């Protein structure tokens, strides 16, 4: 007998939802788990294969700051999937956050971001861009208080940061590693 979901109750609902779920184990004994739910997300690492750079954003993240992390986290542009598919979300977020127009996206995966606590699944993409595709300043959407700064980073430096364990955002680390595996020549 497998673990079975028996009951779900909403404990809190706001920007995110906290659920209390009751399960029964293989032995039939009930147990509870809390679940954080806020929907599906999408993330893209825009990279310029000619100039060998990538576009990332620096922004403050309340949970990171609260837990003693850096005041800003370097991340690939990302956002919540709302009334569109994951690819459209990644393209929109890249424009809003980095001011870059993206065309074709290369799917990397759709992993769960933190499966022990959250239901969030995040679609990961790579996307080539050129200098001509930088058509706006980026910085996020007015009124969302994201406090985003855009950073164009040489891929060799980005890889140095990976080796120095300075990339602290998991989705961004996964995308940098995927790009390195798929196109290692861009990092030399």
N, C-alpha and C. Protein backbone atom coordinates (compact mmCIF):
# COMPACT_ATOMS: atom_id res chain seq x y z
N UNK A 1 0.84 -1.19 0.00
CA UNK A 1 0.00 0.00 0.00
C UNK A 1 0.89 1.25 0.00
N UNK A 2 0.56 2.19 -0.84
CA UNK A 2 1.33 3.43 -0.96
C UNK A 2 0.79 4.49 0.00
N UNK A 3 1.51 5.59 0.09
CA UNK A 3 1.03 6.74 0.85
C UNK A 3 -0.16 7.33 0.10
N UNK A 4 -1.23 7.64 0.84
CA UNK A 4 -2.43 8.20 0.21
C UNK A 4 -2.82 9.52 0.85
N UNK A 5 -3.19 10.48 0.01
CA UNK A 5 -3.69 11.77 0.47
C UNK A 5 -5.13 11.58 0.92
N UNK A 6 -5.43 11.98 2.16
CA UNK A 6 -6.77 11.81 2.72
C UNK A 6 -7.57 13.11 2.82
N UNK A 7 -6.88 14.20 3.19
CA UNK A 7 -7.60 15.45 3.43
C UNK A 7 -6.65 16.62 3.28
N UNK A 8 -7.15 17.75 2.74
CA UNK A 8 -6.36 18.97 2.60
C UNK A 8 -7.19 20.14 3.12
N UNK A 9 -6.57 20.94 3.98
CA UNK A 9 -7.22 22.13 4.52
C UNK A 9 -6.34 23.35 4.23
N UNK A 10 -6.97 24.47 3.89
CA UNK A 10 -6.23 25.71 3.68
C UNK A 10 -6.02 26.38 5.03
N UNK A 11 -4.75 26.62 5.36
CA UNK A 11 -4.38 27.26 6.62
C UNK A 11 -4.24 28.77 6.42
N UNK A 12 -3.69 29.18 5.28
CA UNK A 12 -3.48 30.59 4.97
C UNK A 12 -3.56 30.77 3.47
N UNK A 13 -4.13 31.90 3.03
CA UNK A 13 -4.16 32.21 1.61
C UNK A 13 -3.86 33.68 1.41
N UNK A 14 -2.83 33.97 0.63
CA UNK A 14 -2.41 35.33 0.31
C UNK A 14 -1.60 35.25 -0.96
N UNK A 15 -0.39 35.87 -0.98
CA UNK A 15 0.51 35.75 -2.13
C UNK A 15 0.80 34.28 -2.39
N UNK A 16 0.88 33.51 -1.32
CA UNK A 16 1.04 32.07 -1.41
C UNK A 16 -0.03 31.43 -0.55
N UNK A 17 -0.21 30.13 -0.69
CA UNK A 17 -1.19 29.39 0.08
C UNK A 17 -0.47 28.34 0.91
N UNK A 18 -0.84 28.25 2.17
CA UNK A 18 -0.30 27.20 3.05
C UNK A 18 -1.43 26.20 3.29
N UNK A 19 -1.14 24.95 2.99
CA UNK A 19 -2.12 23.87 3.16
C UNK A 19 -1.65 22.92 4.25
N UNK A 20 -2.59 22.29 4.91
CA UNK A 20 -2.30 21.20 5.84
C UNK A 20 -2.89 19.95 5.22
N UNK A 21 -2.04 18.99 4.93
CA UNK A 21 -2.48 17.77 4.26
C UNK A 21 -2.35 16.58 5.20
N UNK A 22 -3.38 15.76 5.24
CA UNK A 22 -3.36 14.53 6.03
C UNK A 22 -3.21 13.36 5.07
N UNK A 23 -2.25 12.51 5.35
CA UNK A 23 -1.97 11.32 4.55
C UNK A 23 -2.14 10.08 5.41
N UNK A 24 -2.26 8.94 4.75
CA UNK A 24 -2.13 7.68 5.48
C UNK A 24 -0.92 6.97 4.89
N UNK A 25 -0.10 6.42 5.79
CA UNK A 25 1.11 5.74 5.36
C UNK A 25 0.84 4.31 4.94
N UNK A 26 1.86 3.60 4.49
CA UNK A 26 1.70 2.20 4.08
C UNK A 26 1.13 1.32 5.19
N UNK A 27 1.38 1.72 6.44
CA UNK A 27 0.86 0.96 7.58
C UNK A 27 -0.54 1.41 7.98
N UNK A 28 -1.11 2.38 7.27
CA UNK A 28 -2.44 2.88 7.57
C UNK A 28 -2.47 4.01 8.58
N UNK A 29 -1.34 4.30 9.21
CA UNK A 29 -1.27 5.37 10.21
C UNK A 29 -1.33 6.74 9.54
N UNK A 30 -2.17 7.66 10.06
CA UNK A 30 -2.23 9.00 9.49
C UNK A 30 -1.04 9.85 9.91
N UNK A 31 -0.65 10.78 9.02
CA UNK A 31 0.37 11.78 9.35
C UNK A 31 0.07 13.04 8.56
N UNK A 32 0.60 14.17 9.05
CA UNK A 32 0.33 15.46 8.43
C UNK A 32 1.60 16.07 7.85
N UNK A 33 1.41 16.88 6.81
CA UNK A 33 2.47 17.66 6.21
C UNK A 33 1.89 19.02 5.82
N UNK A 34 2.71 20.06 5.93
CA UNK A 34 2.32 21.37 5.44
C UNK A 34 2.85 21.51 4.01
N UNK A 35 2.08 22.19 3.18
CA UNK A 35 2.44 22.40 1.78
C UNK A 35 2.34 23.88 1.46
N UNK A 36 3.41 24.44 0.90
CA UNK A 36 3.39 25.81 0.40
C UNK A 36 3.03 25.73 -1.08
N UNK A 37 2.02 26.48 -1.48
CA UNK A 37 1.59 26.44 -2.88
C UNK A 37 1.43 27.87 -3.40
N UNK A 38 2.05 28.16 -4.53
CA UNK A 38 1.83 29.46 -5.17
C UNK A 38 1.82 29.35 -6.69
N UNK A 39 1.78 28.15 -7.21
CA UNK A 39 1.64 27.98 -8.65
C UNK A 39 2.92 27.55 -9.35
N UNK A 40 2.83 27.52 -10.66
CA UNK A 40 3.93 27.11 -11.52
C UNK A 40 4.77 28.32 -11.90
N UNK A 41 6.07 28.10 -12.11
CA UNK A 41 6.97 29.19 -12.47
C UNK A 41 7.73 28.84 -13.74
N UNK A 42 8.39 29.84 -14.29
CA UNK A 42 9.17 29.67 -15.51
C UNK A 42 10.43 30.53 -15.39
N UNK A 43 11.54 30.00 -15.90
CA UNK A 43 12.82 30.70 -15.80
C UNK A 43 13.62 30.47 -17.08
N UNK A 44 14.36 31.51 -17.50
CA UNK A 44 15.17 31.41 -18.71
C UNK A 44 16.53 32.02 -18.46
N UNK A 45 17.55 31.39 -19.01
CA UNK A 45 18.90 31.98 -19.00
C UNK A 45 19.19 32.49 -20.41
N UNK A 46 19.08 33.81 -20.64
CA UNK A 46 19.44 34.36 -21.94
C UNK A 46 20.97 34.42 -22.05
N UNK A 47 21.49 33.93 -23.16
CA UNK A 47 22.95 33.97 -23.38
C UNK A 47 23.25 34.41 -24.81
N UNK A 48 24.34 35.15 -24.95
CA UNK A 48 24.78 35.62 -26.26
C UNK A 48 25.94 34.73 -26.69
N UNK A 49 25.73 33.85 -27.68
CA UNK A 49 26.79 32.93 -28.08
C UNK A 49 27.95 33.60 -28.81
N UNK A 50 27.74 34.80 -29.35
CA UNK A 50 28.80 35.52 -30.05
C UNK A 50 29.69 36.24 -29.05
N UNK A 51 29.09 37.01 -28.18
CA UNK A 51 29.86 37.76 -27.20
C UNK A 51 30.16 36.93 -25.94
N UNK A 52 29.56 35.74 -25.86
CA UNK A 52 29.78 34.81 -24.73
C UNK A 52 29.46 35.46 -23.39
N UNK A 53 28.22 35.95 -23.31
CA UNK A 53 27.72 36.57 -22.09
C UNK A 53 26.37 35.97 -21.74
N UNK A 54 25.91 36.23 -20.53
CA UNK A 54 24.56 35.85 -20.10
C UNK A 54 23.94 37.03 -19.38
N UNK A 55 22.63 37.13 -19.46
CA UNK A 55 21.89 38.18 -18.76
C UNK A 55 21.27 37.60 -17.50
N UNK A 56 21.56 38.25 -16.37
CA UNK A 56 20.99 37.86 -15.10
C UNK A 56 20.49 39.11 -14.39
N UNK A 57 19.78 38.91 -13.31
CA UNK A 57 19.26 40.02 -12.53
C UNK A 57 19.69 39.87 -11.07
N UNK A 58 19.93 41.00 -10.44
CA UNK A 58 20.15 41.06 -9.00
C UNK A 58 18.89 41.62 -8.38
N UNK A 59 18.39 40.96 -7.34
CA UNK A 59 17.24 41.49 -6.65
C UNK A 59 17.19 40.98 -5.22
N UNK A 60 16.62 41.79 -4.31
CA UNK A 60 16.49 41.35 -2.93
C UNK A 60 15.40 40.28 -2.82
N UNK A 61 15.66 39.27 -2.01
CA UNK A 61 14.69 38.20 -1.75
C UNK A 61 14.48 38.11 -0.25
N UNK A 62 13.28 38.41 0.21
CA UNK A 62 12.99 38.47 1.65
C UNK A 62 13.40 37.20 2.41
N UNK A 63 13.07 35.98 1.92
CA UNK A 63 13.48 34.79 2.67
C UNK A 63 15.00 34.63 2.77
N UNK A 64 15.70 35.03 1.72
CA UNK A 64 17.16 34.93 1.70
C UNK A 64 17.76 35.91 2.71
N UNK A 65 17.28 37.14 2.70
CA UNK A 65 17.77 38.15 3.64
C UNK A 65 17.46 37.71 5.07
N UNK A 66 16.22 37.26 5.31
CA UNK A 66 15.80 36.81 6.64
C UNK A 66 16.70 35.69 7.17
N UNK A 67 17.11 34.78 6.28
CA UNK A 67 17.91 33.62 6.71
C UNK A 67 19.41 33.91 6.77
N UNK A 68 19.80 35.17 6.59
CA UNK A 68 21.21 35.54 6.71
C UNK A 68 21.98 35.50 5.41
N UNK A 69 21.27 35.37 4.28
CA UNK A 69 21.93 35.35 2.98
C UNK A 69 22.26 36.75 2.50
N UNK A 70 22.69 36.86 1.26
CA UNK A 70 23.09 38.16 0.72
C UNK A 70 21.90 39.10 0.56
N UNK A 71 22.16 40.40 0.54
CA UNK A 71 21.08 41.38 0.38
C UNK A 71 20.43 41.35 -1.01
N UNK A 72 21.16 40.82 -1.98
CA UNK A 72 20.62 40.62 -3.33
C UNK A 72 21.07 39.25 -3.83
N UNK A 73 20.21 38.62 -4.61
CA UNK A 73 20.53 37.32 -5.18
C UNK A 73 20.65 37.45 -6.69
N UNK A 74 21.71 36.89 -7.26
CA UNK A 74 21.90 36.88 -8.71
C UNK A 74 21.10 35.71 -9.27
N UNK A 75 20.20 36.02 -10.21
CA UNK A 75 19.29 35.01 -10.74
C UNK A 75 19.08 35.19 -12.24
N UNK A 76 18.71 34.10 -12.90
CA UNK A 76 18.19 34.18 -14.26
C UNK A 76 16.76 34.74 -14.14
N UNK A 77 16.28 35.47 -15.15
CA UNK A 77 14.93 36.03 -15.08
C UNK A 77 13.88 34.93 -14.95
N UNK A 78 12.91 35.17 -14.08
CA UNK A 78 11.89 34.15 -13.80
C UNK A 78 10.61 34.81 -13.34
N UNK A 79 9.53 34.06 -13.38
CA UNK A 79 8.25 34.57 -12.89
C UNK A 79 7.20 33.48 -12.86
N UNK A 80 6.07 33.85 -12.32
CA UNK A 80 4.96 32.91 -12.19
C UNK A 80 4.20 32.78 -13.51
N UNK A 81 3.83 31.55 -13.84
CA UNK A 81 3.01 31.28 -15.02
C UNK A 81 1.57 31.63 -14.64
N UNK A 82 0.97 32.54 -15.40
CA UNK A 82 -0.39 32.97 -15.09
C UNK A 82 -1.32 32.59 -16.23
N UNK A 83 -1.70 33.55 -17.06
CA UNK A 83 -2.65 33.28 -18.15
C UNK A 83 -1.94 33.02 -19.47
N UNK A 84 -0.86 32.24 -19.42
CA UNK A 84 -0.06 31.95 -20.60
C UNK A 84 0.70 30.66 -20.34
N UNK A 85 1.39 30.15 -21.35
CA UNK A 85 2.17 28.94 -21.10
C UNK A 85 3.56 29.31 -20.58
N UNK A 86 4.32 28.30 -20.20
CA UNK A 86 5.62 28.52 -19.56
C UNK A 86 6.60 29.25 -20.48
N UNK A 87 6.60 28.93 -21.77
CA UNK A 87 7.50 29.60 -22.71
C UNK A 87 7.15 31.08 -22.84
N UNK A 88 5.86 31.38 -22.96
CA UNK A 88 5.43 32.78 -23.05
C UNK A 88 5.81 33.54 -21.77
N UNK A 89 5.70 32.88 -20.63
CA UNK A 89 6.09 33.49 -19.36
C UNK A 89 7.57 33.82 -19.37
N UNK A 90 8.41 32.87 -19.79
CA UNK A 90 9.86 33.09 -19.82
C UNK A 90 10.21 34.25 -20.75
N UNK A 91 9.58 34.31 -21.90
CA UNK A 91 9.83 35.39 -22.86
C UNK A 91 9.41 36.74 -22.27
N UNK A 92 8.24 36.78 -21.63
CA UNK A 92 7.74 38.01 -21.01
C UNK A 92 8.66 38.46 -19.87
N UNK A 93 9.05 37.52 -19.02
CA UNK A 93 9.91 37.86 -17.88
C UNK A 93 11.28 38.37 -18.33
N UNK A 94 11.82 37.77 -19.39
CA UNK A 94 13.12 38.23 -19.91
C UNK A 94 13.02 39.67 -20.40
N UNK A 95 11.90 40.01 -21.02
CA UNK A 95 11.71 41.40 -21.48
C UNK A 95 11.52 42.33 -20.29
N UNK A 96 10.63 41.96 -19.36
CA UNK A 96 10.36 42.82 -18.21
C UNK A 96 11.60 43.03 -17.35
N UNK A 97 12.31 41.95 -17.07
CA UNK A 97 13.42 42.02 -16.12
C UNK A 97 14.74 42.43 -16.75
N UNK A 98 15.01 41.98 -17.99
CA UNK A 98 16.31 42.24 -18.62
C UNK A 98 16.24 43.14 -19.84
N UNK A 99 15.04 43.41 -20.33
CA UNK A 99 14.91 44.24 -21.52
C UNK A 99 15.40 43.55 -22.77
N UNK A 100 15.32 42.22 -22.80
CA UNK A 100 15.81 41.46 -23.95
C UNK A 100 14.64 40.74 -24.65
N UNK A 101 14.65 40.83 -25.97
CA UNK A 101 13.65 40.16 -26.79
C UNK A 101 14.19 38.77 -27.14
N UNK A 102 13.45 37.75 -26.75
CA UNK A 102 13.87 36.38 -27.03
C UNK A 102 12.98 35.74 -28.08
N UNK A 103 13.57 34.88 -28.88
CA UNK A 103 12.82 34.13 -29.88
C UNK A 103 12.67 32.69 -29.41
N UNK A 104 13.42 31.81 -30.01
CA UNK A 104 13.33 30.38 -29.74
C UNK A 104 13.92 30.05 -28.36
N UNK A 105 13.18 29.25 -27.59
CA UNK A 105 13.66 28.78 -26.30
C UNK A 105 14.02 27.31 -26.39
N UNK A 106 15.02 26.92 -25.64
CA UNK A 106 15.45 25.53 -25.57
C UNK A 106 15.09 24.99 -24.19
N UNK A 107 14.18 24.03 -24.15
CA UNK A 107 13.72 23.47 -22.87
C UNK A 107 14.83 22.68 -22.20
N UNK A 108 14.97 22.86 -20.90
CA UNK A 108 15.96 22.13 -20.11
C UNK A 108 15.27 21.10 -19.21
N UNK A 109 14.15 21.46 -18.60
CA UNK A 109 13.43 20.55 -17.71
C UNK A 109 12.33 21.28 -16.99
N UNK A 110 11.59 20.53 -16.18
CA UNK A 110 10.49 21.08 -15.38
C UNK A 110 10.54 20.48 -13.98
N UNK A 111 11.61 20.76 -13.23
CA UNK A 111 11.75 20.15 -11.91
C UNK A 111 10.91 20.85 -10.84
N UNK A 112 10.67 20.14 -9.75
CA UNK A 112 10.09 20.75 -8.56
C UNK A 112 11.20 21.52 -7.87
N UNK A 113 10.93 22.75 -7.46
CA UNK A 113 11.99 23.60 -6.92
C UNK A 113 12.39 23.24 -5.49
N UNK A 114 11.46 22.82 -4.67
CA UNK A 114 11.74 22.48 -3.28
C UNK A 114 10.69 21.46 -2.82
N UNK A 115 10.76 20.22 -3.30
CA UNK A 115 9.67 19.25 -3.15
C UNK A 115 9.34 18.83 -1.72
N UNK A 116 10.21 19.10 -0.77
CA UNK A 116 9.90 18.75 0.61
C UNK A 116 8.92 19.71 1.26
N UNK A 117 8.74 20.89 0.65
CA UNK A 117 7.90 21.93 1.26
C UNK A 117 6.90 22.52 0.28
N UNK A 118 7.28 22.65 -0.99
CA UNK A 118 6.50 23.43 -1.94
C UNK A 118 6.01 22.58 -3.11
N UNK A 119 4.85 22.96 -3.64
CA UNK A 119 4.31 22.30 -4.84
C UNK A 119 4.84 22.94 -6.12
N UNK A 120 5.66 24.00 -5.99
CA UNK A 120 6.12 24.73 -7.18
C UNK A 120 6.93 23.84 -8.13
N UNK A 121 6.53 23.90 -9.38
CA UNK A 121 7.27 23.27 -10.47
C UNK A 121 7.73 24.40 -11.36
N UNK A 122 8.99 24.35 -11.79
CA UNK A 122 9.54 25.45 -12.56
C UNK A 122 10.08 24.97 -13.90
N UNK A 123 9.55 25.55 -14.96
CA UNK A 123 10.01 25.22 -16.31
C UNK A 123 11.28 26.01 -16.59
N UNK A 124 12.34 25.31 -16.98
CA UNK A 124 13.65 25.92 -17.21
C UNK A 124 13.98 25.95 -18.70
N UNK A 125 14.50 27.09 -19.16
CA UNK A 125 14.83 27.28 -20.57
C UNK A 125 16.17 27.99 -20.73
N UNK A 126 16.80 27.72 -21.86
CA UNK A 126 17.95 28.49 -22.34
C UNK A 126 17.47 29.23 -23.58
N UNK A 127 18.04 30.41 -23.83
CA UNK A 127 17.65 31.16 -25.03
C UNK A 127 18.80 32.04 -25.48
N UNK A 128 19.17 31.88 -26.74
CA UNK A 128 20.22 32.73 -27.32
C UNK A 128 19.63 34.10 -27.63
N UNK A 129 20.46 35.11 -27.47
CA UNK A 129 20.09 36.48 -27.85
C UNK A 129 21.32 37.14 -28.45
N UNK A 130 21.12 38.29 -29.09
CA UNK A 130 22.24 39.08 -29.62
C UNK A 130 22.16 40.47 -29.01
N UNK A 131 23.20 41.25 -29.21
CA UNK A 131 23.23 42.62 -28.70
C UNK A 131 22.03 43.42 -29.23
N UNK A 132 21.62 43.15 -30.46
CA UNK A 132 20.48 43.86 -31.06
C UNK A 132 19.15 43.51 -30.38
N UNK A 133 19.11 42.40 -29.66
CA UNK A 133 17.89 41.99 -28.96
C UNK A 133 17.69 42.71 -27.63
N UNK A 134 18.69 43.45 -27.18
CA UNK A 134 18.56 44.26 -25.95
C UNK A 134 17.82 45.54 -26.34
N UNK A 135 16.51 45.53 -26.22
CA UNK A 135 15.69 46.61 -26.75
C UNK A 135 15.09 47.52 -25.67
N UNK A 136 15.28 47.18 -24.39
CA UNK A 136 14.74 47.99 -23.30
C UNK A 136 15.69 47.90 -22.11
N UNK A 137 15.43 48.72 -21.11
CA UNK A 137 16.30 48.76 -19.93
C UNK A 137 16.09 47.58 -19.00
N UNK A 138 14.89 47.00 -18.98
CA UNK A 138 14.60 45.95 -18.01
C UNK A 138 14.35 46.57 -16.64
N UNK A 139 14.57 45.80 -15.60
CA UNK A 139 14.38 46.30 -14.25
C UNK A 139 13.08 45.91 -13.60
N UNK A 140 12.22 45.20 -14.31
CA UNK A 140 10.96 44.75 -13.73
C UNK A 140 9.80 45.67 -14.07
N UNK A 141 8.63 45.27 -13.59
CA UNK A 141 7.40 46.00 -13.86
C UNK A 141 7.19 47.07 -12.80
N UNK A 142 6.88 48.27 -13.25
CA UNK A 142 6.60 49.39 -12.34
C UNK A 142 5.51 48.98 -11.35
N UNK A 143 5.75 49.27 -10.09
CA UNK A 143 4.75 49.00 -9.06
C UNK A 143 4.88 47.65 -8.37
N UNK A 144 5.73 46.76 -8.90
CA UNK A 144 5.89 45.44 -8.27
C UNK A 144 6.98 45.42 -7.21
N UNK A 145 7.69 46.52 -7.05
CA UNK A 145 8.73 46.65 -6.02
C UNK A 145 9.75 45.52 -6.05
N UNK A 146 10.19 45.16 -7.26
CA UNK A 146 11.17 44.07 -7.37
C UNK A 146 12.60 44.56 -7.15
N UNK A 147 12.86 45.84 -7.41
CA UNK A 147 14.18 46.43 -7.21
C UNK A 147 15.27 45.66 -7.96
N UNK A 148 15.03 45.43 -9.24
CA UNK A 148 15.90 44.62 -10.10
C UNK A 148 16.98 45.48 -10.74
N UNK A 149 18.19 44.96 -10.75
CA UNK A 149 19.25 45.52 -11.58
C UNK A 149 19.71 44.41 -12.52
N UNK A 150 19.95 44.78 -13.77
CA UNK A 150 20.35 43.83 -14.80
C UNK A 150 21.86 43.74 -14.84
N UNK A 151 22.36 42.53 -15.03
CA UNK A 151 23.80 42.33 -15.11
C UNK A 151 24.10 41.41 -16.29
N UNK A 152 24.95 41.89 -17.21
CA UNK A 152 25.41 41.06 -18.32
C UNK A 152 26.80 40.54 -17.92
N UNK A 153 26.92 39.22 -17.82
CA UNK A 153 28.11 38.61 -17.24
C UNK A 153 28.81 37.74 -18.30
N UNK A 154 30.12 37.91 -18.48
CA UNK A 154 30.86 37.00 -19.36
C UNK A 154 30.72 35.57 -18.84
N UNK A 155 30.54 34.63 -19.75
CA UNK A 155 30.33 33.23 -19.34
C UNK A 155 31.53 32.66 -18.59
N UNK A 156 32.74 33.10 -18.94
CA UNK A 156 33.92 32.61 -18.20
C UNK A 156 33.86 33.06 -16.74
N UNK A 157 33.43 34.29 -16.50
CA UNK A 157 33.28 34.78 -15.13
C UNK A 157 32.14 34.06 -14.42
N UNK A 158 31.06 33.82 -15.13
CA UNK A 158 29.92 33.10 -14.55
C UNK A 158 30.35 31.71 -14.10
N UNK A 159 31.17 31.06 -14.92
CA UNK A 159 31.65 29.72 -14.55
C UNK A 159 32.59 29.80 -13.34
N UNK A 160 33.41 30.84 -13.28
CA UNK A 160 34.26 31.04 -12.10
C UNK A 160 33.39 31.16 -10.85
N UNK A 161 32.29 31.91 -10.96
CA UNK A 161 31.38 32.05 -9.81
C UNK A 161 30.76 30.71 -9.43
N UNK A 162 30.47 29.86 -10.43
CA UNK A 162 29.95 28.52 -10.12
C UNK A 162 31.00 27.74 -9.34
N UNK A 163 32.23 27.76 -9.83
CA UNK A 163 33.31 27.02 -9.15
C UNK A 163 33.59 27.56 -7.75
N UNK A 164 33.38 28.86 -7.56
CA UNK A 164 33.59 29.47 -6.24
C UNK A 164 32.35 29.38 -5.35
N UNK A 165 31.33 28.70 -5.82
CA UNK A 165 30.08 28.51 -5.09
C UNK A 165 29.38 29.83 -4.77
N UNK A 166 29.48 30.78 -5.70
CA UNK A 166 28.85 32.09 -5.52
C UNK A 166 27.46 32.19 -6.16
N UNK A 167 27.08 31.18 -6.95
CA UNK A 167 25.73 31.17 -7.53
C UNK A 167 24.84 30.45 -6.52
N UNK A 168 24.01 31.23 -5.83
CA UNK A 168 23.24 30.69 -4.71
C UNK A 168 21.78 30.40 -5.05
N UNK A 169 21.37 30.71 -6.26
CA UNK A 169 20.00 30.44 -6.70
C UNK A 169 19.99 29.13 -7.48
N UNK A 170 19.22 28.15 -7.01
CA UNK A 170 19.25 26.80 -7.58
C UNK A 170 18.83 26.76 -9.05
N UNK A 171 17.76 27.47 -9.42
CA UNK A 171 17.30 27.42 -10.81
C UNK A 171 18.35 28.00 -11.76
N UNK A 172 19.02 29.06 -11.31
CA UNK A 172 20.06 29.68 -12.13
C UNK A 172 21.27 28.76 -12.24
N UNK A 173 21.65 28.14 -11.15
CA UNK A 173 22.76 27.18 -11.17
C UNK A 173 22.46 26.04 -12.14
N UNK A 174 21.24 25.51 -12.09
CA UNK A 174 20.86 24.42 -13.00
C UNK A 174 20.97 24.86 -14.46
N UNK A 175 20.56 26.09 -14.76
CA UNK A 175 20.61 26.57 -16.14
C UNK A 175 22.04 26.82 -16.60
N UNK A 176 22.88 27.35 -15.72
CA UNK A 176 24.28 27.56 -16.08
C UNK A 176 24.95 26.21 -16.35
N UNK A 177 24.68 25.23 -15.50
CA UNK A 177 25.25 23.89 -15.70
C UNK A 177 24.74 23.27 -17.01
N UNK A 178 23.47 23.45 -17.30
CA UNK A 178 22.91 22.91 -18.55
C UNK A 178 23.58 23.56 -19.76
N UNK A 179 23.76 24.87 -19.72
CA UNK A 179 24.42 25.55 -20.84
C UNK A 179 25.86 25.06 -20.98
N UNK A 180 26.54 24.88 -19.88
CA UNK A 180 27.94 24.40 -19.90
C UNK A 180 28.03 23.00 -20.51
N UNK A 181 27.08 22.14 -20.18
CA UNK A 181 27.05 20.77 -20.73
C UNK A 181 26.72 20.79 -22.22
N UNK A 182 25.75 21.60 -22.60
CA UNK A 182 25.27 21.62 -23.98
C UNK A 182 26.20 22.40 -24.93
N UNK A 183 26.87 23.44 -24.41
CA UNK A 183 27.72 24.27 -25.26
C UNK A 183 29.01 24.65 -24.51
N UNK A 184 29.85 23.68 -24.19
CA UNK A 184 31.05 23.97 -23.39
C UNK A 184 32.01 24.97 -24.06
N UNK A 185 32.01 25.04 -25.36
CA UNK A 185 32.91 25.94 -26.07
C UNK A 185 32.64 27.41 -25.75
N UNK A 186 31.45 27.73 -25.29
CA UNK A 186 31.12 29.12 -24.96
C UNK A 186 31.81 29.60 -23.68
N UNK A 187 32.31 28.67 -22.89
CA UNK A 187 32.91 29.00 -21.60
C UNK A 187 34.42 29.09 -21.65
N UNK A 188 35.01 28.95 -22.84
CA UNK A 188 36.49 29.01 -22.92
C UNK A 188 36.95 30.29 -23.60
